[in-house]
Amino acid sequence: MWICCIFFQIWLLSGFTVNGLVDVALTGTATQSSTFGYGYASNAIDGNTDSYYYDGSCSHTNPGVGNWWSVLLPGVYRIDTISITNRNEFPSRINGAEILIGKNLENNGNNNPICAVISSIPTGGTSSFNCSGMIGRLVNVFLPANNPLTMCEVQVFGVLAAPFPSFGTVVSGRNVAVVQMQLCWSDALFYCRDFYWDLFSVRGEQDQQELEEVLGATSFPLTRLVWLGLRRYLLAGTWFWMPGEPANYTNWETNVVWQITSPCGGIETKNSFYWRDHPCSDSLNFICLTDVQRDVDCVEFFSSTRPQT
């Protein structure tokens, strides 16, 4: 995606800054609702603000209602400003488009909170929108009107929403983080979903074996148990993982009558590495899955201590 434009003009990708912040969209992954001609989604994050569509540096969807464009950033960012460069023709097409920021992949990211609504952008011009430190990994532009969505550059200026120190590694090809912070089960779940993806799920024996190795090699002392994304139905004995998968593989030491167990589960950090239920309010270390799982839903979880957005 490094592009040299005509007249031998070279765009230095690292040179775009606002208030000292770097354009983090340059290392993201762009998608859109459809593609017209060679108006690929990635054109809008190639570092080139050339507004002439036929130079090949603008995104372009097909005509229709509800077109959208999205960039998945390389991490969770606190976003200060978003700048959008409009096409040098048909400038009013972008009027009324919504800029959305968040971490929710549902509906292609178009259900996330709104940073701003674009009233207009001058022909071939660039307008900036203040997002006041909104946190997210997805930045979407959603156009409710019956128009194609065309943008010649989308710049996202922000800083990484730095999580607490953790031990990063790989389990069965999936990236995970063993977090040094100690939280109750629900706060651990929200932490993983805020900064990464979800609490980690053990899918089978290979996951279990590799996770045991990770817990034995972690670079800081661990609590006796660490939280997993393991949860029990409140009025039944069935355990499940927070992405909504049943816990078909298990590693419990014993089967306990569910009425006397806690609905939150974790894994021992030494000896036999058995799974155990544990009081949900206790503060423990925990393991997050850090890879974005686009085709996997997460079980919604509500807490009376956390406001809903």
C-alpha atoms as a PDB file:
ATOM      1  CA  MET A   1       0.000   0.000   0.000  1.00  0.00           C
ATOM      2  CA  TRP A   2       2.986   2.363  -0.338  1.00  0.00           C
ATOM      3  CA  ILE A   3       2.123   4.464  -3.377  1.00  0.00           C
ATOM      4  CA  CYS A   4       4.213   6.903  -5.416  1.00  0.00           C
ATOM      5  CA  CYS A   5       1.965   9.382  -7.189  1.00  0.00           C
ATOM      6  CA  ILE A   6       2.450  11.091 -10.516  1.00  0.00           C
ATOM      7  CA  PHE A   7       4.982  13.928 -10.675  1.00  0.00           C
ATOM      8  CA  PHE A   8       7.241  11.676  -8.555  1.00  0.00           C
ATOM      9  CA  GLN A   9       5.625  12.998  -5.404  1.00  0.00           C
ATOM     10  CA  ILE A  10       6.350  10.581  -2.536  1.00  0.00           C
ATOM     11  CA  TRP A  11       4.000  10.496   0.443  1.00  0.00           C
ATOM     12  CA  LEU A  12       5.841   9.772   3.680  1.00  0.00           C
ATOM     13  CA  LEU A  13       3.435   7.641   5.674  1.00  0.00           C
ATOM     14  CA  SER A  14       4.982   8.531   8.993  1.00  0.00           C
ATOM     15  CA  GLY A  15       4.713  12.256   8.288  1.00  0.00           C
ATOM     16  CA  PHE A  16       1.004  12.738   8.973  1.00  0.00           C
ATOM     17  CA  THR A  17       0.480  14.111  12.474  1.00  0.00           C
ATOM     18  CA  VAL A  18      -2.140  16.139  14.326  1.00  0.00           C
ATOM     19  CA  ASN A  19      -1.180  17.613  17.707  1.00  0.00           C
ATOM     20  CA  GLY A  20       1.849  15.322  17.624  1.00  0.00           C
ATOM     21  CA  LEU A  21      -0.307  12.198  17.111  1.00  0.00           C
ATOM     22  CA  VAL A  22       0.436   9.737  14.305  1.00  0.00           C
ATOM     23  CA  ASP A  23      -2.135   8.534  11.766  1.00  0.00           C
ATOM     24  CA  VAL A  24      -2.755   5.003  13.071  1.00  0.00           C
ATOM     25  CA  ALA A  25      -5.103   4.075  10.197  1.00  0.00           C
ATOM     26  CA  LEU A  26      -2.094   3.555   7.934  1.00  0.00           C
ATOM     27  CA  THR A  27      -1.388   0.182   9.542  1.00  0.00           C
ATOM     28  CA  GLY A  28      -5.037  -0.850   9.756  1.00  0.00           C
ATOM     29  CA  THR A  29      -7.180  -3.101   7.554  1.00  0.00           C
ATOM     30  CA  ALA A  30      -9.954  -1.454   5.541  1.00  0.00           C
ATOM     31  CA  THR A  31     -13.208  -2.975   4.275  1.00  0.00           C
ATOM     32  CA  GLN A  32     -16.379  -1.535   2.775  1.00  0.00           C
ATOM     33  CA  SER A  33     -19.929  -2.500   1.860  1.00  0.00           C
ATOM     34  CA  SER A  34     -19.117  -2.908  -1.860  1.00  0.00           C
ATOM     35  CA  THR A  35     -16.497  -1.800  -4.375  1.00  0.00           C
ATOM     36  CA  PHE A  36     -17.090   0.207  -7.526  1.00  0.00           C
ATOM     37  CA  GLY A  37     -14.395  -0.090 -10.178  1.00  0.00           C
ATOM     38  CA  TYR A  38     -10.959   0.243  -8.627  1.00  0.00           C
ATOM     39  CA  GLY A  39     -12.209   2.215  -5.628  1.00  0.00           C
ATOM     40  CA  TYR A  40     -10.861  -0.277  -3.095  1.00  0.00           C
ATOM     41  CA  ALA A  41     -11.386   0.325   0.620  1.00  0.00           C
ATOM     42  CA  SER A  42      -7.626   0.290   1.220  1.00  0.00           C
ATOM     43  CA  ASN A  43      -7.177   3.316  -1.050  1.00  0.00           C
ATOM     44  CA  ALA A  44      -8.524   5.508   1.761  1.00  0.00           C
ATOM     45  CA  ILE A  45      -5.668   4.565   4.107  1.00  0.00           C
ATOM     46  CA  ASP A  46      -2.748   4.579   1.649  1.00  0.00           C
ATOM     47  CA  GLY A  47      -1.268   7.851   2.946  1.00  0.00           C
ATOM     48  CA  ASN A  48      -2.179   9.713  -0.256  1.00  0.00           C
ATOM     49  CA  THR A  49      -4.668  12.607  -0.059  1.00  0.00           C
ATOM     50  CA  ASP A  50      -4.965  13.010  -3.850  1.00  0.00           C
ATOM     51  CA  SER A  51      -8.672  13.822  -4.342  1.00  0.00           C
ATOM     52  CA  TYR A  52      -8.884  12.960  -8.057  1.00  0.00           C
ATOM     53  CA  TYR A  53     -10.645   9.586  -8.141  1.00  0.00           C
ATOM     54  CA  TYR A  54      -9.107   8.452 -11.421  1.00  0.00           C
ATOM     55  CA  ASP A  55      -5.607   8.682  -9.956  1.00  0.00           C
ATOM     56  CA  GLY A  56      -6.520   5.517  -8.040  1.00  0.00           C
ATOM     57  CA  SER A  57      -6.238   6.685  -4.446  1.00  0.00           C
ATOM     58  CA  CYS A  58      -9.910   6.980  -3.404  1.00  0.00           C
ATOM     59  CA  SER A  59     -12.341   4.390  -2.086  1.00  0.00           C
ATOM     60  CA  HIS A  60     -15.712   4.053  -3.847  1.00  0.00           C
ATOM     61  CA  THR A  61     -18.745   1.863  -3.134  1.00  0.00           C
ATOM     62  CA  ASN A  62     -21.591   1.017  -5.457  1.00  0.00           C
ATOM     63  CA  PRO A  63     -24.690   3.264  -5.317  1.00  0.00           C
ATOM     64  CA  GLY A  64     -27.297   2.337  -2.726  1.00  0.00           C
ATOM     65  CA  VAL A  65     -28.664   3.041   0.731  1.00  0.00           C
ATOM     66  CA  GLY A  66     -26.588   2.387   3.840  1.00  0.00           C
ATOM     67  CA  ASN A  67     -23.103   2.195   2.346  1.00  0.00           C
ATOM     68  CA  TRP A  68     -20.248   1.967   4.819  1.00  0.00           C
ATOM     69  CA  TRP A  69     -16.466   1.950   5.061  1.00  0.00           C
ATOM     70  CA  SER A  70     -14.483   0.578   8.010  1.00  0.00           C
ATOM     71  CA  VAL A  71     -10.900   0.359   9.236  1.00  0.00           C
ATOM     72  CA  LEU A  72      -9.802  -2.164  11.859  1.00  0.00           C
ATOM     73  CA  LEU A  73      -6.906  -0.566  13.737  1.00  0.00           C
ATOM     74  CA  PRO A  74      -3.940  -2.659  14.919  1.00  0.00           C
ATOM     75  CA  GLY A  75      -4.962  -2.165  18.551  1.00  0.00           C
ATOM     76  CA  VAL A  76      -7.404  -0.353  20.809  1.00  0.00           C
ATOM     77  CA  TYR A  77      -6.814   3.396  20.562  1.00  0.00           C
ATOM     78  CA  ARG A  78      -7.925   6.543  22.364  1.00  0.00           C
ATOM     79  CA  ILE A  79      -8.903   8.579  19.307  1.00  0.00           C
ATOM     80  CA  ASP A  80      -8.468  12.336  19.297  1.00  0.00           C
ATOM     81  CA  THR A  81      -9.206  13.397  15.722  1.00  0.00           C
ATOM     82  CA  ILE A  82     -10.381  11.890  12.441  1.00  0.00           C
ATOM     83  CA  SER A  83      -9.633  13.704   9.177  1.00  0.00           C
ATOM     84  CA  ILE A  84     -11.424  12.846   5.927  1.00  0.00           C
ATOM     85  CA  THR A  85     -10.475  13.995   2.439  1.00  0.00           C
ATOM     86  CA  ASN A  86     -13.386  14.324   0.036  1.00  0.00           C
ATOM     87  CA  ARG A  87     -13.404  13.641  -3.691  1.00  0.00           C
ATOM     88  CA  ASN A  88     -12.886  16.599  -6.064  1.00  0.00           C
ATOM     89  CA  GLU A  89     -16.211  15.766  -7.745  1.00  0.00           C
ATOM     90  CA  PHE A  90     -19.710  15.183  -6.333  1.00  0.00           C
ATOM     91  CA  PRO A  91     -18.718  16.548  -2.903  1.00  0.00           C
ATOM     92  CA  SER A  92     -22.255  16.478  -1.492  1.00  0.00           C
ATOM     93  CA  ARG A  93     -22.445  12.690  -1.668  1.00  0.00           C
ATOM     94  CA  ILE A  94     -20.753  12.406   1.729  1.00  0.00           C
ATOM     95  CA  ASN A  95     -23.165  14.792   3.450  1.00  0.00           C
ATOM     96  CA  GLY A  96     -24.875  13.196   6.436  1.00  0.00           C
ATOM     97  CA  ALA A  97     -22.345  10.386   6.843  1.00  0.00           C
ATOM     98  CA  GLU A  98     -21.754   9.244  10.426  1.00  0.00           C
ATOM     99  CA  ILE A  99     -18.300   8.628  11.917  1.00  0.00           C
ATOM    100  CA  LEU A 100     -18.495   5.716  14.358  1.00  0.00           C
ATOM    101  CA  ILE A 101     -15.892   4.471  16.846  1.00  0.00           C
ATOM    102  CA  GLY A 102     -15.907   1.377  19.033  1.00  0.00           C
ATOM    103  CA  LYS A 103     -15.037  -2.281  19.449  1.00  0.00           C
ATOM    104  CA  ASN A 104     -18.333  -3.904  18.493  1.00  0.00           C
ATOM    105  CA  LEU A 105     -18.110  -5.913  15.251  1.00  0.00           C
ATOM    106  CA  GLU A 106     -21.872  -6.455  15.075  1.00  0.00           C
ATOM    107  CA  ASN A 107     -23.456  -5.130  11.867  1.00  0.00           C
ATOM    108  CA  ASN A 108     -19.958  -4.626  10.421  1.00  0.00           C
ATOM    109  CA  GLY A 109     -19.168  -2.117  13.181  1.00  0.00           C
ATOM    110  CA  ASN A 110     -22.070   0.173  12.294  1.00  0.00           C
ATOM    111  CA  ASN A 111     -23.674  -0.119  15.748  1.00  0.00           C
ATOM    112  CA  ASN A 112     -20.797   1.646  17.498  1.00  0.00           C
ATOM    113  CA  PRO A 113     -21.129   5.112  19.120  1.00  0.00           C
ATOM    114  CA  ILE A 114     -21.079   8.218  16.941  1.00  0.00           C
ATOM    115  CA  CYS A 115     -18.129  10.611  17.031  1.00  0.00           C
ATOM    116  CA  ALA A 116     -19.580  13.078  14.514  1.00  0.00           C
ATOM    117  CA  VAL A 117     -22.000  13.542  11.628  1.00  0.00           C
ATOM    118  CA  ILE A 118     -20.478  15.035   8.472  1.00  0.00           C
ATOM    119  CA  SER A 119     -22.549  18.013   7.362  1.00  0.00           C
ATOM    120  CA  SER A 120     -20.266  18.657   4.388  1.00  0.00           C
ATOM    121  CA  ILE A 121     -16.631  18.580   3.281  1.00  0.00           C
ATOM    122  CA  PRO A 122     -15.378  21.022   0.624  1.00  0.00           C
ATOM    123  CA  THR A 123     -14.685  19.751  -2.889  1.00  0.00           C
ATOM    124  CA  GLY A 124     -11.352  17.931  -2.742  1.00  0.00           C
ATOM    125  CA  GLY A 125     -10.841  19.281   0.768  1.00  0.00           C
ATOM    126  CA  THR A 126     -10.008  17.719   4.124  1.00  0.00           C
ATOM    127  CA  SER A 127     -12.092  18.238   7.249  1.00  0.00           C
ATOM    128  CA  SER A 128     -11.196  17.161  10.781  1.00  0.00           C
ATOM    129  CA  PHE A 129     -13.583  15.906  13.457  1.00  0.00           C
ATOM    130  CA  ASN A 130     -12.843  15.948  17.198  1.00  0.00           C
ATOM    131  CA  CYS A 131     -13.640  12.621  18.846  1.00  0.00           C
ATOM    132  CA  SER A 132     -12.546  13.681  22.365  1.00  0.00           C
ATOM    133  CA  GLY A 133     -10.602  10.531  23.222  1.00  0.00           C
ATOM    134  CA  MET A 134     -13.241   7.956  22.281  1.00  0.00           C
ATOM    135  CA  ILE A 135     -11.838   4.440  22.680  1.00  0.00           C
ATOM    136  CA  GLY A 136     -12.108   1.804  19.986  1.00  0.00           C
ATOM    137  CA  ARG A 137     -10.475  -0.432  17.448  1.00  0.00           C
ATOM    138  CA  LEU A 138     -12.989   0.085  14.636  1.00  0.00           C
ATOM    139  CA  VAL A 139     -13.564   3.374  12.839  1.00  0.00           C
ATOM    140  CA  ASN A 140     -16.534   3.354  10.481  1.00  0.00           C
ATOM    141  CA  VAL A 141     -18.057   5.882   8.117  1.00  0.00           C
ATOM    142  CA  PHE A 142     -21.728   5.045   7.568  1.00  0.00           C
ATOM    143  CA  LEU A 143     -23.806   6.824   4.904  1.00  0.00           C
ATOM    144  CA  PRO A 144     -27.587   6.529   5.422  1.00  0.00           C
ATOM    145  CA  ALA A 145     -28.403   8.355   2.163  1.00  0.00           C
ATOM    146  CA  ASN A 146     -28.880   6.699  -1.223  1.00  0.00           C
ATOM    147  CA  ASN A 147     -25.436   7.577  -2.556  1.00  0.00           C
ATOM    148  CA  PRO A 148     -22.116   5.864  -3.198  1.00  0.00           C
ATOM    149  CA  LEU A 149     -19.564   6.491  -0.454  1.00  0.00           C
ATOM    150  CA  THR A 150     -16.277   7.874  -1.764  1.00  0.00           C
ATOM    151  CA  MET A 151     -13.337   9.025   0.343  1.00  0.00           C
ATOM    152  CA  CYS A 152      -9.820   9.846  -0.754  1.00  0.00           C
ATOM    153  CA  GLU A 153      -8.189   9.524   2.661  1.00  0.00           C
ATOM    154  CA  VAL A 154      -9.269   8.725   6.203  1.00  0.00           C
ATOM    155  CA  GLN A 155      -6.733   9.627   8.873  1.00  0.00           C
ATOM    156  CA  VAL A 156      -7.154   8.486  12.469  1.00  0.00           C
ATOM    157  CA  PHE A 157      -5.050  10.284  15.059  1.00  0.00           C
ATOM    158  CA  GLY A 158      -4.795   8.791  18.517  1.00  0.00           C
ATOM    159  CA  VAL A 159      -2.710   6.953  21.056  1.00  0.00           C
ATOM    160  CA  LEU A 160      -2.759   3.333  22.082  1.00  0.00           C
ATOM    161  CA  ALA A 161      -5.064   2.831  25.041  1.00  0.00           C
ATOM    162  CA  ALA A 162      -2.285   1.149  26.948  1.00  0.00           C
ATOM    163  CA  PRO A 163      -3.449  -1.851  28.987  1.00  0.00           C
ATOM    164  CA  PHE A 164      -1.865  -3.090  32.204  1.00  0.00           C
ATOM    165  CA  PRO A 165       1.428  -5.025  31.783  1.00  0.00           C
ATOM    166  CA  SER A 166       0.913  -8.565  30.561  1.00  0.00           C
ATOM    167  CA  PHE A 167       2.749 -11.657  29.354  1.00  0.00           C
ATOM    168  CA  GLY A 168       2.029 -12.098  25.648  1.00  0.00           C
ATOM    169  CA  THR A 169       2.347 -15.467  23.959  1.00  0.00           C
ATOM    170  CA  VAL A 170       0.631 -17.915  21.583  1.00  0.00           C
ATOM    171  CA  VAL A 171      -1.650 -20.866  22.408  1.00  0.00           C
ATOM    172  CA  SER A 172      -2.575 -23.170  19.516  1.00  0.00           C
ATOM    173  CA  GLY A 173      -1.928 -20.399  17.017  1.00  0.00           C
ATOM    174  CA  ARG A 174      -4.003 -17.834  18.928  1.00  0.00           C
ATOM    175  CA  ASN A 175      -2.412 -14.775  20.531  1.00  0.00           C
ATOM    176  CA  VAL A 176      -3.123 -14.416  24.234  1.00  0.00           C
ATOM    177  CA  ALA A 177      -2.132 -12.116  27.087  1.00  0.00           C
ATOM    178  CA  VAL A 178      -1.768 -13.237  30.700  1.00  0.00           C
ATOM    179  CA  VAL A 179      -2.599 -10.000  32.527  1.00  0.00           C
ATOM    180  CA  GLN A 180      -0.692  -9.012  35.639  1.00  0.00           C
ATOM    181  CA  MET A 181      -3.606  -7.002  37.031  1.00  0.00           C
ATOM    182  CA  GLN A 182      -5.952  -8.859  39.406  1.00  0.00           C
ATOM    183  CA  LEU A 183      -9.693  -8.340  38.870  1.00  0.00           C
ATOM    184  CA  CYS A 184     -12.975 -10.014  39.682  1.00  0.00           C
ATOM    185  CA  TRP A 185     -14.407 -12.219  36.910  1.00  0.00           C
ATOM    186  CA  SER A 186     -16.765  -9.641  35.389  1.00  0.00           C
ATOM    187  CA  ASP A 187     -14.173  -6.856  35.449  1.00  0.00           C
ATOM    188  CA  ALA A 188     -11.650  -9.234  33.849  1.00  0.00           C
ATOM    189  CA  LEU A 189     -14.170  -9.959  31.087  1.00  0.00           C
ATOM    190  CA  PHE A 190     -14.764  -6.249  30.441  1.00  0.00           C
ATOM    191  CA  TYR A 191     -11.019  -5.567  30.540  1.00  0.00           C
ATOM    192  CA  CYS A 192     -10.356  -8.184  27.848  1.00  0.00           C
ATOM    193  CA  ARG A 193     -13.199  -6.851  25.721  1.00  0.00           C
ATOM    194  CA  ASP A 194     -12.056  -3.242  26.165  1.00  0.00           C
ATOM    195  CA  PHE A 195      -8.409  -3.777  25.297  1.00  0.00           C
ATOM    196  CA  TYR A 196      -8.283  -7.064  23.388  1.00  0.00           C
ATOM    197  CA  TRP A 197     -11.107  -9.396  22.370  1.00  0.00           C
ATOM    198  CA  ASP A 198     -12.420 -11.702  25.123  1.00  0.00           C
ATOM    199  CA  LEU A 199     -11.452 -13.905  28.043  1.00  0.00           C
ATOM    200  CA  PHE A 200      -9.634 -16.978  26.757  1.00  0.00           C
ATOM    201  CA  SER A 201     -11.493 -20.205  25.925  1.00  0.00           C
ATOM    202  CA  VAL A 202      -9.908 -23.660  26.104  1.00  0.00           C
ATOM    203  CA  ARG A 203     -11.202 -25.553  23.059  1.00  0.00           C
ATOM    204  CA  GLY A 204      -9.473 -28.884  23.538  1.00  0.00           C
ATOM    205  CA  GLU A 205      -6.593 -30.905  24.931  1.00  0.00           C
ATOM    206  CA  GLN A 206      -3.958 -29.130  22.837  1.00  0.00           C
ATOM    207  CA  ASP A 207      -5.103 -25.754  24.149  1.00  0.00           C
ATOM    208  CA  GLN A 208      -4.973 -27.133  27.698  1.00  0.00           C
ATOM    209  CA  GLN A 209      -1.443 -28.511  27.310  1.00  0.00           C
ATOM    210  CA  GLU A 210      -0.065 -25.345  25.725  1.00  0.00           C
ATOM    211  CA  LEU A 211      -1.806 -23.176  28.313  1.00  0.00           C
ATOM    212  CA  GLU A 212      -0.160 -25.182  31.106  1.00  0.00           C
ATOM    213  CA  GLU A 213       3.233 -24.419  29.540  1.00  0.00           C
ATOM    214  CA  VAL A 214       2.370 -20.721  29.324  1.00  0.00           C
ATOM    215  CA  LEU A 215       1.313 -20.549  32.966  1.00  0.00           C
ATOM    216  CA  GLY A 216       4.574 -22.195  33.963  1.00  0.00           C
ATOM    217  CA  ALA A 217       6.605 -19.655  32.004  1.00  0.00           C
ATOM    218  CA  THR A 218       4.802 -16.404  32.898  1.00  0.00           C
ATOM    219  CA  SER A 219       7.259 -13.652  33.825  1.00  0.00           C
ATOM    220  CA  PHE A 220       5.478 -12.564  37.047  1.00  0.00           C
ATOM    221  CA  PRO A 221       3.921 -14.406  40.029  1.00  0.00           C
ATOM    222  CA  LEU A 222       0.355 -15.565  39.440  1.00  0.00           C
ATOM    223  CA  THR A 223      -2.596 -16.032  41.750  1.00  0.00           C
ATOM    224  CA  ARG A 224      -3.427 -19.653  42.602  1.00  0.00           C
ATOM    225  CA  LEU A 225      -6.146 -19.586  39.948  1.00  0.00           C
ATOM    226  CA  VAL A 226      -6.518 -17.387  36.843  1.00  0.00           C
ATOM    227  CA  TRP A 227      -9.811 -16.489  35.244  1.00  0.00           C
ATOM    228  CA  LEU A 228     -10.882 -17.988  31.919  1.00  0.00           C
ATOM    229  CA  GLY A 229     -13.939 -17.112  29.847  1.00  0.00           C
ATOM    230  CA  LEU A 230     -15.703 -19.985  31.598  1.00  0.00           C
ATOM    231  CA  ARG A 231     -19.212 -19.377  32.870  1.00  0.00           C
ATOM    232  CA  ARG A 232     -22.128 -21.460  34.187  1.00  0.00           C
ATOM    233  CA  TYR A 233     -25.811 -20.806  33.600  1.00  0.00           C
ATOM    234  CA  LEU A 234     -27.149 -19.360  36.846  1.00  0.00           C
ATOM    235  CA  LEU A 235     -30.016 -21.841  37.138  1.00  0.00           C
ATOM    236  CA  ALA A 236     -28.417 -24.903  35.587  1.00  0.00           C
ATOM    237  CA  GLY A 237     -25.261 -26.980  35.697  1.00  0.00           C
ATOM    238  CA  THR A 238     -24.165 -26.289  32.106  1.00  0.00           C
ATOM    239  CA  TRP A 239     -20.868 -24.498  31.580  1.00  0.00           C
ATOM    240  CA  PHE A 240     -20.090 -22.485  28.441  1.00  0.00           C
ATOM    241  CA  TRP A 241     -17.449 -20.167  26.995  1.00  0.00           C
ATOM    242  CA  MET A 242     -18.132 -16.449  26.604  1.00  0.00           C
ATOM    243  CA  PRO A 243     -17.977 -16.573  22.789  1.00  0.00           C
ATOM    244  CA  GLY A 244     -21.117 -18.713  23.198  1.00  0.00           C
ATOM    245  CA  GLU A 245     -19.541 -22.120  22.644  1.00  0.00           C
ATOM    246  CA  PRO A 246     -20.413 -25.077  24.882  1.00  0.00           C
ATOM    247  CA  ALA A 247     -17.617 -26.371  27.103  1.00  0.00           C
ATOM    248  CA  ASN A 248     -17.386 -29.751  25.372  1.00  0.00           C
ATOM    249  CA  TYR A 249     -13.804 -30.346  26.506  1.00  0.00           C
ATOM    250  CA  THR A 250     -13.335 -30.038  30.273  1.00  0.00           C
ATOM    251  CA  ASN A 251     -10.596 -30.488  32.835  1.00  0.00           C
ATOM    252  CA  TRP A 252     -12.453 -30.405  36.150  1.00  0.00           C
ATOM    253  CA  GLU A 253     -10.901 -32.356  39.027  1.00  0.00           C
ATOM    254  CA  THR A 254     -14.327 -33.507  40.212  1.00  0.00           C
ATOM    255  CA  ASN A 255     -17.952 -32.970  39.238  1.00  0.00           C
ATOM    256  CA  VAL A 256     -19.656 -30.916  41.922  1.00  0.00           C
ATOM    257  CA  VAL A 257     -23.389 -30.414  42.411  1.00  0.00           C
ATOM    258  CA  TRP A 258     -23.980 -27.163  40.546  1.00  0.00           C
ATOM    259  CA  GLN A 259     -26.258 -25.660  43.218  1.00  0.00           C
ATOM    260  CA  ILE A 260     -23.260 -25.285  45.541  1.00  0.00           C
ATOM    261  CA  THR A 261     -20.782 -23.966  42.975  1.00  0.00           C
ATOM    262  CA  SER A 262     -19.922 -20.480  41.790  1.00  0.00           C
ATOM    263  CA  PRO A 263     -20.855 -19.647  38.157  1.00  0.00           C
ATOM    264  CA  CYS A 264     -17.339 -18.378  37.348  1.00  0.00           C
ATOM    265  CA  GLY A 265     -14.460 -20.628  36.341  1.00  0.00           C
ATOM    266  CA  GLY A 266     -10.694 -20.528  36.055  1.00  0.00           C
ATOM    267  CA  ILE A 267      -7.619 -22.719  35.791  1.00  0.00           C
ATOM    268  CA  GLU A 268      -5.023 -23.587  38.431  1.00  0.00           C
ATOM    269  CA  THR A 269      -1.611 -22.076  37.788  1.00  0.00           C
ATOM    270  CA  LYS A 270       0.454 -25.023  39.010  1.00  0.00           C
ATOM    271  CA  ASN A 271       0.335 -28.727  39.899  1.00  0.00           C
ATOM    272  CA  SER A 272      -2.462 -30.415  37.915  1.00  0.00           C
ATOM    273  CA  PHE A 273      -3.848 -27.250  36.257  1.00  0.00           C
ATOM    274  CA  TYR A 274      -7.405 -28.361  36.952  1.00  0.00           C
ATOM    275  CA  TRP A 275     -10.346 -26.098  36.236  1.00  0.00           C
ATOM    276  CA  ARG A 276     -12.235 -24.885  39.274  1.00  0.00           C
ATOM    277  CA  ASP A 277     -15.279 -22.788  40.007  1.00  0.00           C
ATOM    278  CA  HIS A 278     -14.391 -19.835  42.191  1.00  0.00           C
ATOM    279  CA  PRO A 279     -16.238 -16.909  43.837  1.00  0.00           C
ATOM    280  CA  CYS A 280     -16.817 -14.393  41.048  1.00  0.00           C
ATOM    281  CA  SER A 281     -15.962 -11.435  43.293  1.00  0.00           C
ATOM    282  CA  ASP A 282     -12.405 -12.578  44.049  1.00  0.00           C
ATOM    283  CA  SER A 283      -9.598 -10.694  42.309  1.00  0.00           C
ATOM    284  CA  LEU A 284      -7.366 -12.942  40.210  1.00  0.00           C
ATOM    285  CA  ASN A 285      -5.022 -12.709  37.272  1.00  0.00           C
ATOM    286  CA  PHE A 286      -6.689 -13.599  33.975  1.00  0.00           C
ATOM    287  CA  ILE A 287      -6.003 -14.563  30.356  1.00  0.00           C
ATOM    288  CA  CYS A 288      -7.263 -12.577  27.371  1.00  0.00           C
ATOM    289  CA  LEU A 289      -7.569 -13.676  23.765  1.00  0.00           C
ATOM    290  CA  THR A 290      -6.053 -10.780  21.819  1.00  0.00           C
ATOM    291  CA  ASP A 291      -6.923 -11.806  18.239  1.00  0.00           C
ATOM    292  CA  VAL A 292     -10.032 -10.249  16.691  1.00  0.00           C
ATOM    293  CA  GLN A 293     -12.504 -13.027  15.805  1.00  0.00           C
ATOM    294  CA  ARG A 294     -14.678 -11.495  13.063  1.00  0.00           C
ATOM    295  CA  ASP A 295     -16.848 -14.583  12.589  1.00  0.00           C
ATOM    296  CA  VAL A 296     -17.360 -15.335  16.275  1.00  0.00           C
ATOM    297  CA  ASP A 297     -20.047 -13.705  18.412  1.00  0.00           C
ATOM    298  CA  CYS A 298     -19.567 -12.871  22.073  1.00  0.00           C
ATOM    299  CA  VAL A 299     -22.146 -13.532  24.774  1.00  0.00           C
ATOM    300  CA  GLU A 300     -23.483 -10.201  26.012  1.00  0.00           C
ATOM    301  CA  PHE A 301     -22.784  -9.655  29.685  1.00  0.00           C
ATOM    302  CA  PHE A 302     -24.315  -6.930  31.826  1.00  0.00           C
ATOM    303  CA  SER A 303     -23.094  -5.608  35.154  1.00  0.00           C
ATOM    304  CA  SER A 304     -24.926  -3.301  37.552  1.00  0.00           C
ATOM    305  CA  THR A 305     -21.622  -1.556  38.259  1.00  0.00           C
ATOM    306  CA  ARG A 306     -20.842  -0.762  34.632  1.00  0.00           C
ATOM    307  CA  PRO A 307     -22.956   1.719  32.625  1.00  0.00           C
ATOM    308  CA  GLN A 308     -24.253   0.496  29.265  1.00  0.00           C
ATOM    309  CA  THR A 309     -23.325   2.446  26.132  1.00  0.00           C
END
